[in-house]
C-alpha atoms as a PDB file:
ATOM      1  CA  MET A   1     132.281 -63.506  46.358  1.00  0.00           C
ATOM      2  CA  PRO A   2     134.506 -66.507  45.559  1.00  0.00           C
ATOM      3  CA  THR A   3     137.061 -66.564  42.738  1.00  0.00           C
ATOM      4  CA  TRP A   4     136.520 -69.698  40.687  1.00  0.00           C
ATOM      5  CA  ASN A   5     137.723 -71.228  37.453  1.00  0.00           C
ATOM      6  CA  MET A   6     135.389 -72.433  34.705  1.00  0.00           C
ATOM      7  CA  ILE A   7     135.178 -75.998  36.026  1.00  0.00           C
ATOM      8  CA  GLN A   8     134.174 -74.813  39.479  1.00  0.00           C
ATOM      9  CA  ALA A   9     131.577 -72.442  38.042  1.00  0.00           C
ATOM     10  CA  ILE A  10     130.032 -75.138  35.836  1.00  0.00           C
ATOM     11  CA  ASN A  11     129.980 -77.625  38.695  1.00  0.00           C
ATOM     12  CA  ASP A  12     128.268 -75.080  40.928  1.00  0.00           C
ATOM     13  CA  ALA A  13     125.675 -74.266  38.266  1.00  0.00           C
ATOM     14  CA  LEU A  14     124.740 -77.939  38.010  1.00  0.00           C
ATOM     15  CA  ARG A  15     124.568 -78.214  41.791  1.00  0.00           C
ATOM     16  CA  VAL A  16     122.404 -75.092  42.143  1.00  0.00           C
ATOM     17  CA  GLU A  17     119.942 -76.250  39.513  1.00  0.00           C
ATOM     18  CA  MET A  18     119.758 -79.844  40.724  1.00  0.00           C
ATOM     19  CA  ARG A  19     118.910 -78.592  44.207  1.00  0.00           C
ATOM     20  CA  ARG A  20     116.286 -76.241  42.798  1.00  0.00           C
ATOM     21  CA  ASP A  21     114.662 -78.611  40.294  1.00  0.00           C
ATOM     22  CA  PRO A  22     114.379 -82.354  40.970  1.00  0.00           C
ATOM     23  CA  ASN A  23     113.750 -82.967  37.260  1.00  0.00           C
ATOM     24  CA  VAL A  24     117.355 -82.082  36.352  1.00  0.00           C
ATOM     25  CA  VAL A  25     119.478 -85.175  35.717  1.00  0.00           C
ATOM     26  CA  VAL A  26     123.090 -85.580  34.561  1.00  0.00           C
ATOM     27  CA  LEU A  27     124.293 -88.442  32.385  1.00  0.00           C
ATOM     28  CA  GLY A  28     127.332 -89.323  30.312  1.00  0.00           C
ATOM     29  CA  GLU A  29     130.581 -91.222  30.200  1.00  0.00           C
ATOM     30  CA  ASP A  30     132.345 -91.222  33.609  1.00  0.00           C
ATOM     31  CA  VAL A  31     130.235 -88.346  34.979  1.00  0.00           C
ATOM     32  CA  GLY A  32     129.261 -90.252  38.148  1.00  0.00           C
ATOM     33  CA  LYS A  33     131.724 -91.336  40.820  1.00  0.00           C
ATOM     34  CA  PHE A  34     134.709 -90.271  38.697  1.00  0.00           C
ATOM     35  CA  GLY A  35     133.267 -86.771  38.248  1.00  0.00           C
ATOM     36  CA  GLY A  36     133.937 -86.483  34.515  1.00  0.00           C
ATOM     37  CA  VAL A  37     137.236 -86.471  32.660  1.00  0.00           C
ATOM     38  CA  PHE A  38     137.671 -82.763  33.504  1.00  0.00           C
ATOM     39  CA  ARG A  39     135.939 -83.103  36.920  1.00  0.00           C
ATOM     40  CA  ALA A  40     133.041 -80.841  35.973  1.00  0.00           C
ATOM     41  CA  THR A  41     130.539 -83.205  37.641  1.00  0.00           C
ATOM     42  CA  GLU A  42     132.693 -84.045  40.662  1.00  0.00           C
ATOM     43  CA  GLY A  43     130.680 -84.674  43.823  1.00  0.00           C
ATOM     44  CA  LEU A  44     127.267 -84.534  42.155  1.00  0.00           C
ATOM     45  CA  GLN A  45     126.541 -88.261  42.353  1.00  0.00           C
ATOM     46  CA  LYS A  46     127.468 -88.298  46.018  1.00  0.00           C
ATOM     47  CA  GLU A  47     124.948 -85.537  46.745  1.00  0.00           C
ATOM     48  CA  PHE A  48     122.119 -86.453  44.381  1.00  0.00           C
ATOM     49  CA  GLY A  49     122.471 -90.209  43.994  1.00  0.00           C
ATOM     50  CA  ASP A  50     123.012 -92.489  41.020  1.00  0.00           C
ATOM     51  CA  GLU A  51     119.448 -92.090  39.727  1.00  0.00           C
ATOM     52  CA  ARG A  52     120.063 -88.423  38.954  1.00  0.00           C
ATOM     53  CA  VAL A  53     123.789 -88.595  38.099  1.00  0.00           C
ATOM     54  CA  PHE A  54     124.699 -91.744  36.238  1.00  0.00           C
ATOM     55  CA  ASP A  55     127.287 -93.214  33.929  1.00  0.00           C
ATOM     56  CA  THR A  56     126.398 -94.435  30.465  1.00  0.00           C
ATOM     57  CA  PRO A  57     127.954 -96.846  27.980  1.00  0.00           C
ATOM     58  CA  LEU A  58     130.439 -95.438  25.471  1.00  0.00           C
ATOM     59  CA  SER A  59     127.660 -94.669  23.004  1.00  0.00           C
ATOM     60  CA  GLU A  60     127.058 -91.042  22.143  1.00  0.00           C
ATOM     61  CA  GLY A  61     124.006 -91.898  20.069  1.00  0.00           C
ATOM     62  CA  GLY A  62     122.619 -93.837  23.012  1.00  0.00           C
ATOM     63  CA  ILE A  63     123.348 -91.007  25.442  1.00  0.00           C
ATOM     64  CA  MET A  64     121.545 -88.530  23.233  1.00  0.00           C
ATOM     65  CA  GLY A  65     118.577 -90.748  22.419  1.00  0.00           C
ATOM     66  CA  THR A  66     118.090 -91.481  26.116  1.00  0.00           C
ATOM     67  CA  ALA A  67     118.319 -87.794  27.015  1.00  0.00           C
ATOM     68  CA  ILE A  68     115.797 -86.805  24.339  1.00  0.00           C
ATOM     69  CA  GLY A  69     113.314 -89.350  25.641  1.00  0.00           C
ATOM     70  CA  MET A  70     113.776 -88.063  29.174  1.00  0.00           C
ATOM     71  CA  ALA A  71     113.232 -84.466  28.034  1.00  0.00           C
ATOM     72  CA  VAL A  72     110.076 -85.220  26.068  1.00  0.00           C
ATOM     73  CA  TYR A  73     108.600 -86.924  29.132  1.00  0.00           C
ATOM     74  CA  GLY A  74     109.216 -84.044  31.525  1.00  0.00           C
ATOM     75  CA  LEU A  75     112.773 -84.275  32.811  1.00  0.00           C
ATOM     76  CA  ARG A  76     115.533 -81.759  32.137  1.00  0.00           C
ATOM     77  CA  PRO A  77     118.573 -83.853  31.248  1.00  0.00           C
ATOM     78  CA  VAL A  78     122.092 -82.466  30.986  1.00  0.00           C
ATOM     79  CA  PRO A  79     124.030 -85.058  28.967  1.00  0.00           C
ATOM     80  CA  GLU A  80     127.775 -84.650  28.696  1.00  0.00           C
ATOM     81  CA  ILE A  81     129.684 -85.565  25.549  1.00  0.00           C
ATOM     82  CA  GLN A  82     133.217 -86.075  26.826  1.00  0.00           C
ATOM     83  CA  PHE A  83     134.868 -84.180  23.943  1.00  0.00           C
ATOM     84  CA  SER A  84     133.041 -82.294  21.207  1.00  0.00           C
ATOM     85  CA  ASP A  85     135.003 -84.402  18.713  1.00  0.00           C
ATOM     86  CA  PHE A  86     132.942 -87.384  19.930  1.00  0.00           C
ATOM     87  CA  ILE A  87     129.593 -85.718  19.244  1.00  0.00           C
ATOM     88  CA  TYR A  88     129.283 -86.933  15.649  1.00  0.00           C
ATOM     89  CA  PRO A  89     127.822 -90.390  16.450  1.00  0.00           C
ATOM     90  CA  ALA A  90     125.027 -88.439  18.205  1.00  0.00           C
ATOM     91  CA  PHE A  91     124.603 -85.962  15.356  1.00  0.00           C
ATOM     92  CA  ASP A  92     121.519 -87.642  13.904  1.00  0.00           C
ATOM     93  CA  GLN A  93     119.743 -87.662  17.266  1.00  0.00           C
ATOM     94  CA  ILE A  94     120.564 -83.990  17.858  1.00  0.00           C
ATOM     95  CA  VAL A  95     119.730 -82.491  14.457  1.00  0.00           C
ATOM     96  CA  ASN A  96     116.953 -84.832  13.301  1.00  0.00           C
ATOM     97  CA  GLU A  97     115.200 -85.464  16.612  1.00  0.00           C
ATOM     98  CA  ALA A  98     115.981 -82.964  19.370  1.00  0.00           C
ATOM     99  CA  ALA A  99     116.053 -79.943  17.066  1.00  0.00           C
ATOM    100  CA  LYS A 100     112.794 -80.803  15.309  1.00  0.00           C
ATOM    101  CA  PHE A 101     110.480 -82.070  18.054  1.00  0.00           C
ATOM    102  CA  ARG A 102     108.817 -78.708  18.711  1.00  0.00           C
ATOM    103  CA  TYR A 103     108.257 -78.126  14.983  1.00  0.00           C
ATOM    104  CA  ARG A 104     107.022 -81.605  14.090  1.00  0.00           C
ATOM    105  CA  SER A 105     104.609 -81.671  17.049  1.00  0.00           C
ATOM    106  CA  GLY A 106     103.167 -78.241  16.373  1.00  0.00           C
ATOM    107  CA  GLY A 107     104.480 -77.040  19.719  1.00  0.00           C
ATOM    108  CA  GLN A 108     102.954 -79.867  21.740  1.00  0.00           C
ATOM    109  CA  PHE A 109     106.361 -81.239  22.757  1.00  0.00           C
ATOM    110  CA  THR A 110     109.653 -79.566  23.564  1.00  0.00           C
ATOM    111  CA  VAL A 111     113.084 -80.956  24.363  1.00  0.00           C
ATOM    112  CA  PRO A 112     114.454 -79.037  27.387  1.00  0.00           C
ATOM    113  CA  MET A 113     117.934 -80.510  27.255  1.00  0.00           C
ATOM    114  CA  VAL A 114     121.464 -79.093  27.551  1.00  0.00           C
ATOM    115  CA  ILE A 115     124.287 -80.932  25.796  1.00  0.00           C
ATOM    116  CA  ARG A 116     127.508 -80.011  27.574  1.00  0.00           C
ATOM    117  CA  THR A 117     130.713 -80.691  25.698  1.00  0.00           C
ATOM    118  CA  PRO A 118     134.351 -79.483  25.916  1.00  0.00           C
ATOM    119  CA  CYS A 119     135.612 -77.976  22.658  1.00  0.00           C
ATOM    120  CA  GLY A 120     138.639 -76.400  21.026  1.00  0.00           C
ATOM    121  CA  GLY A 121     142.380 -76.777  21.113  1.00  0.00           C
ATOM    122  CA  GLY A 122     145.262 -75.638  23.232  1.00  0.00           C
ATOM    123  CA  ILE A 123     145.797 -78.751  25.373  1.00  0.00           C
ATOM    124  CA  ARG A 124     147.842 -80.793  22.871  1.00  0.00           C
ATOM    125  CA  GLY A 125     144.947 -83.119  22.256  1.00  0.00           C
ATOM    126  CA  GLY A 126     145.613 -83.622  18.558  1.00  0.00           C
ATOM    127  CA  HIS A 127     143.006 -83.784  15.843  1.00  0.00           C
ATOM    128  CA  TYR A 128     140.578 -86.063  17.729  1.00  0.00           C
ATOM    129  CA  HIS A 129     140.377 -83.906  20.863  1.00  0.00           C
ATOM    130  CA  SER A 130     140.649 -80.312  19.610  1.00  0.00           C
ATOM    131  CA  GLN A 131     137.842 -79.577  17.179  1.00  0.00           C
ATOM    132  CA  SER A 132     135.430 -76.632  17.215  1.00  0.00           C
ATOM    133  CA  PRO A 133     132.215 -77.901  15.580  1.00  0.00           C
ATOM    134  CA  GLU A 134     129.852 -75.098  16.554  1.00  0.00           C
ATOM    135  CA  ALA A 135     128.910 -74.162  12.981  1.00  0.00           C
ATOM    136  CA  TYR A 136     127.241 -77.540  12.350  1.00  0.00           C
ATOM    137  CA  PHE A 137     124.739 -76.865  15.120  1.00  0.00           C
ATOM    138  CA  ILE A 138     124.211 -73.176  14.418  1.00  0.00           C
ATOM    139  CA  HIS A 139     123.180 -74.304  10.921  1.00  0.00           C
ATOM    140  CA  THR A 140     120.411 -76.487  12.392  1.00  0.00           C
ATOM    141  CA  ALA A 141     117.089 -74.763  13.041  1.00  0.00           C
ATOM    142  CA  GLY A 142     115.710 -75.586  16.477  1.00  0.00           C
ATOM    143  CA  LEU A 143     118.975 -75.592  18.407  1.00  0.00           C
ATOM    144  CA  LYS A 144     120.474 -72.891  20.585  1.00  0.00           C
ATOM    145  CA  VAL A 145     124.262 -72.731  20.756  1.00  0.00           C
ATOM    146  CA  VAL A 146     126.244 -71.227  23.640  1.00  0.00           C
ATOM    147  CA  MET A 147     129.982 -70.814  24.305  1.00  0.00           C
ATOM    148  CA  PRO A 148     131.111 -68.914  27.418  1.00  0.00           C
ATOM    149  CA  SER A 149     134.547 -67.364  27.862  1.00  0.00           C
ATOM    150  CA  ASN A 150     134.754 -66.911  31.635  1.00  0.00           C
ATOM    151  CA  PRO A 151     133.499 -68.477  34.873  1.00  0.00           C
ATOM    152  CA  HIS A 152     130.842 -65.857  35.638  1.00  0.00           C
ATOM    153  CA  ASP A 153     129.178 -66.275  32.267  1.00  0.00           C
ATOM    154  CA  ALA A 154     129.646 -70.048  32.275  1.00  0.00           C
ATOM    155  CA  LYS A 155     127.543 -70.437  35.406  1.00  0.00           C
ATOM    156  CA  GLY A 156     124.894 -67.887  34.457  1.00  0.00           C
ATOM    157  CA  LEU A 157     124.544 -69.132  30.898  1.00  0.00           C
ATOM    158  CA  LEU A 158     124.354 -72.772  32.001  1.00  0.00           C
ATOM    159  CA  LEU A 159     121.560 -71.979  34.446  1.00  0.00           C
ATOM    160  CA  SER A 160     119.666 -70.112  31.707  1.00  0.00           C
ATOM    161  CA  SER A 161     120.224 -73.000  29.291  1.00  0.00           C
ATOM    162  CA  ILE A 162     118.915 -75.666  31.667  1.00  0.00           C
ATOM    163  CA  ARG A 163     115.771 -73.610  32.273  1.00  0.00           C
ATOM    164  CA  ASP A 164     115.188 -73.052  28.563  1.00  0.00           C
ATOM    165  CA  ASP A 165     112.510 -75.197  26.944  1.00  0.00           C
ATOM    166  CA  ASP A 166     114.520 -75.816  23.783  1.00  0.00           C
ATOM    167  CA  PRO A 167     117.644 -77.938  23.269  1.00  0.00           C
ATOM    168  CA  VAL A 168     120.911 -76.120  23.861  1.00  0.00           C
ATOM    169  CA  VAL A 169     124.381 -77.208  22.754  1.00  0.00           C
ATOM    170  CA  PHE A 170     126.671 -75.793  25.431  1.00  0.00           C
ATOM    171  CA  PHE A 171     130.297 -75.691  24.274  1.00  0.00           C
ATOM    172  CA  GLU A 172     132.954 -75.323  26.968  1.00  0.00           C
ATOM    173  CA  PRO A 173     136.436 -74.237  25.755  1.00  0.00           C
ATOM    174  CA  LYS A 174     138.627 -76.708  27.609  1.00  0.00           C
ATOM    175  CA  ARG A 175     141.794 -74.670  27.124  1.00  0.00           C
ATOM    176  CA  ILE A 176     140.447 -72.152  29.656  1.00  0.00           C
ATOM    177  CA  TYR A 177     138.725 -74.612  32.011  1.00  0.00           C
ATOM    178  CA  ARG A 178     141.280 -73.786  34.689  1.00  0.00           C
ATOM    179  CA  ALA A 179     143.140 -70.871  33.120  1.00  0.00           C
ATOM    180  CA  ALA A 180     140.176 -68.475  33.155  1.00  0.00           C
ATOM    181  CA  LYS A 181     139.368 -67.331  36.694  1.00  0.00           C
ATOM    182  CA  GLY A 182     137.059 -64.687  38.048  1.00  0.00           C
ATOM    183  CA  GLU A 183     134.558 -63.711  40.682  1.00  0.00           C
ATOM    184  CA  VAL A 184     131.383 -65.787  40.555  1.00  0.00           C
ATOM    185  CA  PRO A 185     128.310 -65.066  42.700  1.00  0.00           C
ATOM    186  CA  GLU A 186     127.246 -67.913  44.921  1.00  0.00           C
ATOM    187  CA  GLY A 187     123.698 -69.200  44.629  1.00  0.00           C
ATOM    188  CA  ASP A 188     121.280 -68.490  41.808  1.00  0.00           C
ATOM    189  CA  TYR A 189     121.705 -65.986  38.983  1.00  0.00           C
ATOM    190  CA  THR A 190     121.350 -66.135  35.206  1.00  0.00           C
ATOM    191  CA  VAL A 191     122.988 -64.603  32.154  1.00  0.00           C
ATOM    192  CA  PRO A 192     120.387 -64.215  29.393  1.00  0.00           C
ATOM    193  CA  LEU A 193     120.721 -66.243  26.207  1.00  0.00           C
ATOM    194  CA  GLY A 194     121.051 -64.206  23.032  1.00  0.00           C
ATOM    195  CA  LYS A 195     122.839 -61.209  24.560  1.00  0.00           C
ATOM    196  CA  ALA A 196     126.484 -60.435  23.775  1.00  0.00           C
ATOM    197  CA  ALA A 197     128.907 -58.703  26.144  1.00  0.00           C
ATOM    198  CA  ILE A 198     130.925 -55.650  25.147  1.00  0.00           C
ATOM    199  CA  LEU A 199     134.167 -56.238  27.024  1.00  0.00           C
ATOM    200  CA  ARG A 200     135.970 -53.128  25.774  1.00  0.00           C
ATOM    201  CA  GLU A 201     134.693 -50.013  24.078  1.00  0.00           C
ATOM    202  CA  GLY A 202     136.568 -48.346  21.247  1.00  0.00           C
ATOM    203  CA  ARG A 203     136.028 -46.288  18.121  1.00  0.00           C
ATOM    204  CA  ASP A 204     138.723 -47.513  15.716  1.00  0.00           C
ATOM    205  CA  ALA A 205     137.874 -51.170  15.057  1.00  0.00           C
ATOM    206  CA  THR A 206     135.609 -53.953  16.306  1.00  0.00           C
ATOM    207  CA  ILE A 207     136.701 -57.490  17.173  1.00  0.00           C
ATOM    208  CA  ILE A 208     133.912 -60.072  17.380  1.00  0.00           C
ATOM    209  CA  THR A 209     134.732 -63.425  18.917  1.00  0.00           C
ATOM    210  CA  TRP A 210     133.724 -66.094  21.460  1.00  0.00           C
ATOM    211  CA  GLY A 211     135.067 -68.806  23.741  1.00  0.00           C
ATOM    212  CA  ALA A 212     138.801 -69.132  24.331  1.00  0.00           C
ATOM    213  CA  MET A 213     139.575 -66.635  21.573  1.00  0.00           C
ATOM    214  CA  VAL A 214     138.148 -63.855  23.736  1.00  0.00           C
ATOM    215  CA  HIS A 215     141.351 -63.994  25.782  1.00  0.00           C
ATOM    216  CA  GLU A 216     143.534 -63.804  22.683  1.00  0.00           C
ATOM    217  CA  ALA A 217     141.464 -60.862  21.470  1.00  0.00           C
ATOM    218  CA  LEU A 218     141.862 -59.113  24.825  1.00  0.00           C
ATOM    219  CA  ALA A 219     145.633 -59.516  24.550  1.00  0.00           C
ATOM    220  CA  ALA A 220     145.549 -58.155  21.008  1.00  0.00           C
ATOM    221  CA  ALA A 221     143.417 -55.180  22.072  1.00  0.00           C
ATOM    222  CA  THR A 222     145.891 -54.370  24.847  1.00  0.00           C
ATOM    223  CA  THR A 223     148.781 -54.424  22.367  1.00  0.00           C
ATOM    224  CA  LEU A 224     146.904 -52.171  19.965  1.00  0.00           C
ATOM    225  CA  GLU A 225     145.978 -49.791  22.753  1.00  0.00           C
ATOM    226  CA  GLY A 226     149.699 -49.189  23.222  1.00  0.00           C
ATOM    227  CA  ASP A 227     149.757 -47.965  19.625  1.00  0.00           C
ATOM    228  CA  GLY A 228     146.828 -45.626  20.223  1.00  0.00           C
ATOM    229  CA  VAL A 229     144.217 -47.890  18.606  1.00  0.00           C
ATOM    230  CA  GLY A 230     140.884 -48.151  20.394  1.00  0.00           C
ATOM    231  CA  VAL A 231     139.392 -51.626  19.871  1.00  0.00           C
ATOM    232  CA  GLU A 232     135.796 -52.473  20.698  1.00  0.00           C
ATOM    233  CA  LEU A 233     135.634 -56.133  21.765  1.00  0.00           C
ATOM    234  CA  ILE A 234     132.422 -58.156  21.587  1.00  0.00           C
ATOM    235  CA  ASP A 235     132.101 -61.565  23.247  1.00  0.00           C
ATOM    236  CA  LEU A 236     129.059 -63.171  21.634  1.00  0.00           C
ATOM    237  CA  ARG A 237     128.501 -65.679  24.484  1.00  0.00           C
ATOM    238  CA  THR A 238     125.390 -67.049  22.749  1.00  0.00           C
ATOM    239  CA  LEU A 239     126.253 -67.949  19.159  1.00  0.00           C
ATOM    240  CA  TRP A 240     122.667 -68.675  18.201  1.00  0.00           C
ATOM    241  CA  PRO A 241     120.410 -66.784  18.558  1.00  0.00           C
ATOM    242  CA  VAL A 242     123.090 -64.204  17.923  1.00  0.00           C
ATOM    243  CA  ASP A 243     122.903 -60.652  19.282  1.00  0.00           C
ATOM    244  CA  ILE A 244     122.733 -58.980  15.900  1.00  0.00           C
ATOM    245  CA  ASP A 245     121.900 -55.554  17.354  1.00  0.00           C
ATOM    246  CA  SER A 246     125.155 -55.328  19.324  1.00  0.00           C
ATOM    247  CA  ILE A 247     127.131 -56.524  16.302  1.00  0.00           C
ATOM    248  CA  VAL A 248     125.592 -54.017  13.886  1.00  0.00           C
ATOM    249  CA  ASP A 249     125.743 -51.107  16.325  1.00  0.00           C
ATOM    250  CA  SER A 250     129.475 -51.680  16.824  1.00  0.00           C
ATOM    251  CA  ALA A 251     130.136 -52.106  13.095  1.00  0.00           C
ATOM    252  CA  LYS A 252     128.388 -48.804  12.389  1.00  0.00           C
ATOM    253  CA  LYS A 253     130.354 -47.142  15.178  1.00  0.00           C
ATOM    254  CA  THR A 254     133.857 -48.230  14.126  1.00  0.00           C
ATOM    255  CA  GLY A 255     133.457 -49.006  10.408  1.00  0.00           C
ATOM    256  CA  ARG A 256     136.126 -51.707  10.645  1.00  0.00           C
ATOM    257  CA  VAL A 257     135.464 -55.268  11.817  1.00  0.00           C
ATOM    258  CA  VAL A 258     137.581 -58.349  12.499  1.00  0.00           C
ATOM    259  CA  VAL A 259     135.897 -61.678  13.299  1.00  0.00           C
ATOM    260  CA  VAL A 260     137.980 -64.244  15.189  1.00  0.00           C
ATOM    261  CA  HIS A 261     137.334 -67.958  15.733  1.00  0.00           C
ATOM    262  CA  GLU A 262     139.504 -71.046  16.044  1.00  0.00           C
ATOM    263  CA  ALA A 263     137.288 -73.282  13.915  1.00  0.00           C
ATOM    264  CA  PRO A 264     138.359 -73.683  10.265  1.00  0.00           C
ATOM    265  CA  ARG A 265     137.767 -70.676   8.045  1.00  0.00           C
ATOM    266  CA  THR A 266     135.546 -72.123   5.314  1.00  0.00           C
ATOM    267  CA  CYS A 267     131.868 -72.139   6.343  1.00  0.00           C
ATOM    268  CA  GLY A 268     132.806 -71.185   9.899  1.00  0.00           C
ATOM    269  CA  PHE A 269     130.344 -69.049  11.845  1.00  0.00           C
ATOM    270  CA  GLY A 270     132.488 -66.027  11.070  1.00  0.00           C
ATOM    271  CA  ALA A 271     131.293 -66.156   7.464  1.00  0.00           C
ATOM    272  CA  GLU A 272     127.694 -65.770   8.638  1.00  0.00           C
ATOM    273  CA  ILE A 273     128.604 -62.842  10.869  1.00  0.00           C
ATOM    274  CA  VAL A 274     130.327 -61.145   7.933  1.00  0.00           C
ATOM    275  CA  THR A 275     127.154 -61.547   5.876  1.00  0.00           C
ATOM    276  CA  LEU A 276     124.876 -60.277   8.647  1.00  0.00           C
ATOM    277  CA  ILE A 277     126.994 -57.127   8.917  1.00  0.00           C
ATOM    278  CA  GLN A 278     127.217 -56.698   5.148  1.00  0.00           C
ATOM    279  CA  GLU A 279     123.431 -56.868   4.846  1.00  0.00           C
ATOM    280  CA  ARG A 280     122.786 -54.342   7.608  1.00  0.00           C
ATOM    281  CA  ALA A 281     125.749 -51.973   7.790  1.00  0.00           C
ATOM    282  CA  PHE A 282     127.431 -51.985   4.388  1.00  0.00           C
ATOM    283  CA  LEU A 283     127.379 -48.214   3.927  1.00  0.00           C
ATOM    284  CA  HIS A 284     129.077 -47.727   7.299  1.00  0.00           C
ATOM    285  CA  LEU A 285     132.068 -49.941   6.537  1.00  0.00           C
ATOM    286  CA  GLU A 286     135.453 -48.349   5.823  1.00  0.00           C
ATOM    287  CA  ALA A 287     137.206 -51.625   4.943  1.00  0.00           C
ATOM    288  CA  PRO A 288     136.329 -55.208   3.999  1.00  0.00           C
ATOM    289  CA  ILE A 289     135.527 -57.326   7.042  1.00  0.00           C
ATOM    290  CA  LYS A 290     138.482 -59.507   8.044  1.00  0.00           C
ATOM    291  CA  ARG A 291     138.379 -63.074   9.369  1.00  0.00           C
ATOM    292  CA  VAL A 292     141.179 -64.391  11.577  1.00  0.00           C
ATOM    293  CA  THR A 293     140.543 -68.106  12.045  1.00  0.00           C
ATOM    294  CA  GLY A 294     141.872 -71.615  12.201  1.00  0.00           C
ATOM    295  CA  TYR A 295     142.980 -73.192   8.941  1.00  0.00           C
ATOM    296  CA  ASP A 296     141.146 -75.580   6.622  1.00  0.00           C
ATOM    297  CA  THR A 297     143.128 -78.564   7.846  1.00  0.00           C
ATOM    298  CA  PRO A 298     142.723 -81.196  10.552  1.00  0.00           C
ATOM    299  CA  PHE A 299     143.808 -79.753  13.886  1.00  0.00           C
ATOM    300  CA  PRO A 300     147.592 -80.366  14.107  1.00  0.00           C
ATOM    301  CA  TYR A 301     149.268 -81.800  17.181  1.00  0.00           C
ATOM    302  CA  THR A 302     152.742 -80.283  16.969  1.00  0.00           C
ATOM    303  CA  LEU A 303     151.710 -77.031  15.278  1.00  0.00           C
ATOM    304  CA  GLU A 304     148.668 -76.108  17.352  1.00  0.00           C
ATOM    305  CA  ASN A 305     150.094 -72.720  18.335  1.00  0.00           C
ATOM    306  CA  ASP A 306     150.490 -71.936  14.632  1.00  0.00           C
ATOM    307  CA  TYR A 307     146.976 -73.158  13.884  1.00  0.00           C
ATOM    308  CA  LEU A 308     145.239 -71.197  16.620  1.00  0.00           C
ATOM    309  CA  PRO A 309     144.537 -67.516  15.872  1.00  0.00           C
ATOM    310  CA  ARG A 310     146.718 -66.161  18.653  1.00  0.00           C
ATOM    311  CA  ALA A 311     147.013 -62.488  19.588  1.00  0.00           C
ATOM    312  CA  PRO A 312     149.748 -61.557  17.049  1.00  0.00           C
ATOM    313  CA  ARG A 313     147.601 -62.764  14.143  1.00  0.00           C
ATOM    314  CA  ILE A 314     144.648 -60.797  15.505  1.00  0.00           C
ATOM    315  CA  VAL A 315     146.798 -57.665  15.817  1.00  0.00           C
ATOM    316  CA  ASP A 316     147.828 -58.082  12.173  1.00  0.00           C
ATOM    317  CA  GLY A 317     144.184 -58.473  11.188  1.00  0.00           C
ATOM    318  CA  VAL A 318     143.151 -55.276  12.926  1.00  0.00           C
ATOM    319  CA  ARG A 319     146.079 -53.359  11.427  1.00  0.00           C
ATOM    320  CA  GLY A 320     145.042 -54.673   8.020  1.00  0.00           C
ATOM    321  CA  VAL A 321     141.534 -53.189   8.252  1.00  0.00           C
ATOM    322  CA  LEU A 322     142.942 -49.932   9.696  1.00  0.00           C
ATOM    323  CA  ASN A 323     145.395 -49.570   6.808  1.00  0.00           C
ATOM    324  CA  TYR A 324     142.969 -50.452   4.040  1.00  0.00           C
END
């Protein structure tokens, strides 16, 4: 079994599915001969031709409108938005068209489309190349939202997303594109949408997180283990539909919960997770649920390590709920 990074796993998922299904097409800015700004689509145009892997103008709204039309008429497009910060010109097409086609047509039409886009900070990209906009899309009925944290899940989740009949926004944490490595099965396999992964089991506190912050949470859990604290770590993987059963079961088990994300705190997805737990497991809680998040500011260039909820801040958060 090969050891790959996230980019290699994503590239292989696209290759596997394009070989399996001739209706899968890839489009976006520089995704063709250049292979994408992060090289996630490298070599695909050479193998599948420029009718199935093609470059587009610098128009996110145009990319998305084109992809929606393709999906409605039977193709399975995988448009790439070069950075998630650039997705806003396409926002209307995503939330008012793609997300609502099944509903407005009474189920006669679906939009089987996967929007791939790199997200998050950690590469010194500044405030126009470091945002984490997942909450906007989780808020929109009709969309599924996915964010893997490792190569194995990235490939399996991407294959599941392409085969899904509803539109999926597939966020890829670019900070770990090459930093996260792991064994990835060759060929075809899937990771189911809507199912979280319990990466560590523990009885003292639960950390719930996703994407690049999974690695910070793992580091925090290791530090706390040295102090005799058993942390249960949940990687959501699919943000919506969220695996509420795994979340609630863990909250009932430990009684203390910390939610971690690098998006800004106010109206971040962590607030919804807190509410879901409060509604279902309130009597099991031994402390208020803690959020460890990014700040309510534009993403800073020179202070990104202070902005990101790194392991020391997560450790402090867990100690706070333990000492309540």
